[in-house]
Amino acid sequence: MTTETSNAESRTGTDSLPANTIFELLLDDQRRDALQYLSGKVGAVALEDLVAQVALRDGEASGTRVDAITAGFRHNHLPKLIDAAVVRYDTDAGTVERRPEAAALDPFLQLARRYEP
């Protein structure tokens, strides 16, 4: 199993994330949708399932759109989430798992959800 981890691995679940990190992570709609989806899951989920949920939230689940979202997650969103130590990505299994540190984002995700169109 190959798992990508970050330099923030030493942070414990009780430590909070810096405000700048929280706002950067929640700035992007697709990252917010992914974090929201993962918050309702126990354990790891397949990256393809995560991307499918994000595509549904975007309102377009065509093959081309799913491919673009997948590329965005592999090259942009997952590295940011991994660096912040809020998810684990198992490259061999192709799964994403929410880490306990992600709980610091929950109040902000709830607030953002109130203002979504």
C-alpha atoms as a PDB file:
ATOM      1  CA  MET A   1       0.000   0.000   0.000  1.00  0.00           C
ATOM      2  CA  THR A   2       1.395   3.366  -0.997  1.00  0.00           C
ATOM      3  CA  THR A   3      -0.112   6.223   0.948  1.00  0.00           C
ATOM      4  CA  GLU A   4       0.700   9.852   0.285  1.00  0.00           C
ATOM      5  CA  THR A   5       1.206  11.805   3.474  1.00  0.00           C
ATOM      6  CA  SER A   6       2.296  15.308   4.332  1.00  0.00           C
ATOM      7  CA  ASN A   7       4.755  17.171   6.487  1.00  0.00           C
ATOM      8  CA  ALA A   8       1.839  17.941   8.797  1.00  0.00           C
ATOM      9  CA  GLU A   9       1.573  14.283   9.879  1.00  0.00           C
ATOM     10  CA  SER A  10       2.880  15.158  13.332  1.00  0.00           C
ATOM     11  CA  ARG A  11      -0.176  17.303  14.031  1.00  0.00           C
ATOM     12  CA  THR A  12      -2.692  15.578  16.295  1.00  0.00           C
ATOM     13  CA  GLY A  13      -6.453  15.472  15.853  1.00  0.00           C
ATOM     14  CA  THR A  14      -6.905  18.012  18.640  1.00  0.00           C
ATOM     15  CA  ASP A  15      -4.761  20.672  16.970  1.00  0.00           C
ATOM     16  CA  SER A  16      -6.676  23.102  14.823  1.00  0.00           C
ATOM     17  CA  LEU A  17      -5.759  24.068  11.307  1.00  0.00           C
ATOM     18  CA  PRO A  18      -4.456  27.589  10.673  1.00  0.00           C
ATOM     19  CA  ALA A  19      -7.182  29.964   9.458  1.00  0.00           C
ATOM     20  CA  ASN A  20      -5.383  30.562   6.141  1.00  0.00           C
ATOM     21  CA  THR A  21      -5.294  26.813   5.487  1.00  0.00           C
ATOM     22  CA  ILE A  22      -8.986  26.421   6.291  1.00  0.00           C
ATOM     23  CA  PHE A  23      -9.993  29.226   3.950  1.00  0.00           C
ATOM     24  CA  GLU A  24      -7.673  28.057   1.170  1.00  0.00           C
ATOM     25  CA  LEU A  25      -9.074  24.529   1.352  1.00  0.00           C
ATOM     26  CA  LEU A  26     -12.668  25.761   1.309  1.00  0.00           C
ATOM     27  CA  LEU A  27     -12.124  28.358  -1.413  1.00  0.00           C
ATOM     28  CA  ASP A  28     -12.773  25.882  -4.227  1.00  0.00           C
ATOM     29  CA  ASP A  29     -16.295  24.496  -4.806  1.00  0.00           C
ATOM     30  CA  GLN A  30     -15.048  21.058  -5.819  1.00  0.00           C
ATOM     31  CA  ARG A  31     -12.827  20.743  -2.742  1.00  0.00           C
ATOM     32  CA  ARG A  32     -15.748  21.813  -0.539  1.00  0.00           C
ATOM     33  CA  ASP A  33     -18.001  19.249  -2.223  1.00  0.00           C
ATOM     34  CA  ALA A  34     -15.384  16.531  -1.745  1.00  0.00           C
ATOM     35  CA  LEU A  35     -14.824  17.414   1.912  1.00  0.00           C
ATOM     36  CA  GLN A  36     -18.583  17.467   2.475  1.00  0.00           C
ATOM     37  CA  TYR A  37     -18.949  14.031   0.857  1.00  0.00           C
ATOM     38  CA  LEU A  38     -16.061  12.578   2.867  1.00  0.00           C
ATOM     39  CA  SER A  39     -17.485  13.973   6.108  1.00  0.00           C
ATOM     40  CA  GLY A  40     -20.436  11.614   5.710  1.00  0.00           C
ATOM     41  CA  LYS A  41     -18.325   8.526   5.048  1.00  0.00           C
ATOM     42  CA  VAL A  42     -16.551   6.131   7.378  1.00  0.00           C
ATOM     43  CA  GLY A  43     -13.287   4.810   5.998  1.00  0.00           C
ATOM     44  CA  ALA A  44     -11.796   5.133   2.555  1.00  0.00           C
ATOM     45  CA  VAL A  45     -13.778   5.750  -0.624  1.00  0.00           C
ATOM     46  CA  ALA A  46     -12.704   5.170  -4.201  1.00  0.00           C
ATOM     47  CA  LEU A  47     -11.425   8.300  -5.922  1.00  0.00           C
ATOM     48  CA  GLU A  48     -13.791   7.553  -8.809  1.00  0.00           C
ATOM     49  CA  ASP A  49     -16.775   7.581  -6.395  1.00  0.00           C
ATOM     50  CA  LEU A  50     -15.626  10.870  -4.896  1.00  0.00           C
ATOM     51  CA  VAL A  51     -15.236  12.409  -8.354  1.00  0.00           C
ATOM     52  CA  ALA A  52     -18.667  11.098  -9.410  1.00  0.00           C
ATOM     53  CA  GLN A  53     -20.255  12.844  -6.421  1.00  0.00           C
ATOM     54  CA  VAL A  54     -18.453  16.096  -7.202  1.00  0.00           C
ATOM     55  CA  ALA A  55     -19.561  15.862 -10.850  1.00  0.00           C
ATOM     56  CA  LEU A  56     -23.175  15.370  -9.760  1.00  0.00           C
ATOM     57  CA  ARG A  57     -22.949  18.455  -7.538  1.00  0.00           C
ATOM     58  CA  ASP A  58     -21.522  20.370 -10.504  1.00  0.00           C
ATOM     59  CA  GLY A  59     -24.575  19.302 -12.490  1.00  0.00           C
ATOM     60  CA  GLU A  60     -22.616  17.638 -15.274  1.00  0.00           C
ATOM     61  CA  ALA A  61     -21.542  14.013 -15.058  1.00  0.00           C
ATOM     62  CA  SER A  62     -20.486  13.471 -18.689  1.00  0.00           C
ATOM     63  CA  GLY A  63     -17.392  11.375 -19.331  1.00  0.00           C
ATOM     64  CA  THR A  64     -15.369  14.385 -20.435  1.00  0.00           C
ATOM     65  CA  ARG A  65     -16.350  16.370 -17.352  1.00  0.00           C
ATOM     66  CA  VAL A  66     -15.553  13.452 -15.016  1.00  0.00           C
ATOM     67  CA  ASP A  67     -12.125  13.087 -16.652  1.00  0.00           C
ATOM     68  CA  ALA A  68     -11.436  16.797 -16.130  1.00  0.00           C
ATOM     69  CA  ILE A  69     -12.518  16.633 -12.481  1.00  0.00           C
ATOM     70  CA  THR A  70     -10.367  13.531 -11.913  1.00  0.00           C
ATOM     71  CA  ALA A  71      -7.329  15.317 -13.350  1.00  0.00           C
ATOM     72  CA  GLY A  72      -8.069  18.326 -11.156  1.00  0.00           C
ATOM     73  CA  PHE A  73      -8.163  16.144  -8.066  1.00  0.00           C
ATOM     74  CA  ARG A  74      -4.989  14.248  -8.895  1.00  0.00           C
ATOM     75  CA  HIS A  75      -2.945  17.332  -9.759  1.00  0.00           C
ATOM     76  CA  ASN A  76      -4.456  20.090  -7.628  1.00  0.00           C
ATOM     77  CA  HIS A  77      -7.021  19.232  -4.974  1.00  0.00           C
ATOM     78  CA  LEU A  78      -5.583  16.024  -3.487  1.00  0.00           C
ATOM     79  CA  PRO A  79      -2.080  17.481  -3.038  1.00  0.00           C
ATOM     80  CA  LYS A  80      -3.549  20.467  -1.154  1.00  0.00           C
ATOM     81  CA  LEU A  81      -5.724  18.247   1.023  1.00  0.00           C
ATOM     82  CA  ILE A  82      -2.817  15.885   1.703  1.00  0.00           C
ATOM     83  CA  ASP A  83      -0.449  18.750   2.560  1.00  0.00           C
ATOM     84  CA  ALA A  84      -3.010  20.054   5.056  1.00  0.00           C
ATOM     85  CA  ALA A  85      -3.213  16.521   6.536  1.00  0.00           C
ATOM     86  CA  VAL A  86      -7.006  16.378   6.210  1.00  0.00           C
ATOM     87  CA  VAL A  87      -7.078  13.360   3.850  1.00  0.00           C
ATOM     88  CA  ARG A  88      -5.021  10.298   3.053  1.00  0.00           C
ATOM     89  CA  TYR A  89      -4.718   9.099  -0.523  1.00  0.00           C
ATOM     90  CA  ASP A  90      -3.746   5.489  -1.185  1.00  0.00           C
ATOM     91  CA  THR A  91      -2.318   5.588  -4.697  1.00  0.00           C
ATOM     92  CA  ASP A  92      -2.243   1.796  -5.064  1.00  0.00           C
ATOM     93  CA  ALA A  93      -5.872   1.295  -4.052  1.00  0.00           C
ATOM     94  CA  GLY A  94      -7.057   4.589  -5.556  1.00  0.00           C
ATOM     95  CA  THR A  95      -8.858   5.514  -2.343  1.00  0.00           C
ATOM     96  CA  VAL A  96      -9.261   8.715  -0.365  1.00  0.00           C
ATOM     97  CA  GLU A  97      -9.892   8.762   3.369  1.00  0.00           C
ATOM     98  CA  ARG A  98     -10.792  11.650   5.634  1.00  0.00           C
ATOM     99  CA  ARG A  99      -8.368  12.092   8.520  1.00  0.00           C
ATOM    100  CA  PRO A 100      -9.477  13.128  12.033  1.00  0.00           C
ATOM    101  CA  GLU A 101      -7.860  16.550  11.474  1.00  0.00           C
ATOM    102  CA  ALA A 102     -10.557  17.301   8.890  1.00  0.00           C
ATOM    103  CA  ALA A 103     -13.076  17.718  11.718  1.00  0.00           C
ATOM    104  CA  ALA A 104     -11.671  21.248  12.154  1.00  0.00           C
ATOM    105  CA  LEU A 105     -13.286  22.087   8.791  1.00  0.00           C
ATOM    106  CA  ASP A 106     -16.790  20.892   9.713  1.00  0.00           C
ATOM    107  CA  PRO A 107     -18.160  24.146  11.202  1.00  0.00           C
ATOM    108  CA  PHE A 108     -16.930  26.056   8.152  1.00  0.00           C
ATOM    109  CA  LEU A 109     -18.410  23.491   5.757  1.00  0.00           C
ATOM    110  CA  GLN A 110     -21.774  23.860   7.506  1.00  0.00           C
ATOM    111  CA  LEU A 111     -21.569  27.632   7.234  1.00  0.00           C
ATOM    112  CA  ALA A 112     -20.634  27.477   3.549  1.00  0.00           C
ATOM    113  CA  ARG A 113     -23.540  25.106   2.871  1.00  0.00           C
ATOM    114  CA  ARG A 114     -25.992  27.715   4.195  1.00  0.00           C
ATOM    115  CA  TYR A 115     -24.877  30.184   1.528  1.00  0.00           C
ATOM    116  CA  GLU A 116     -24.712  27.824  -1.448  1.00  0.00           C
ATOM    117  CA  PRO A 117     -27.103  28.591  -4.299  1.00  0.00           C
END
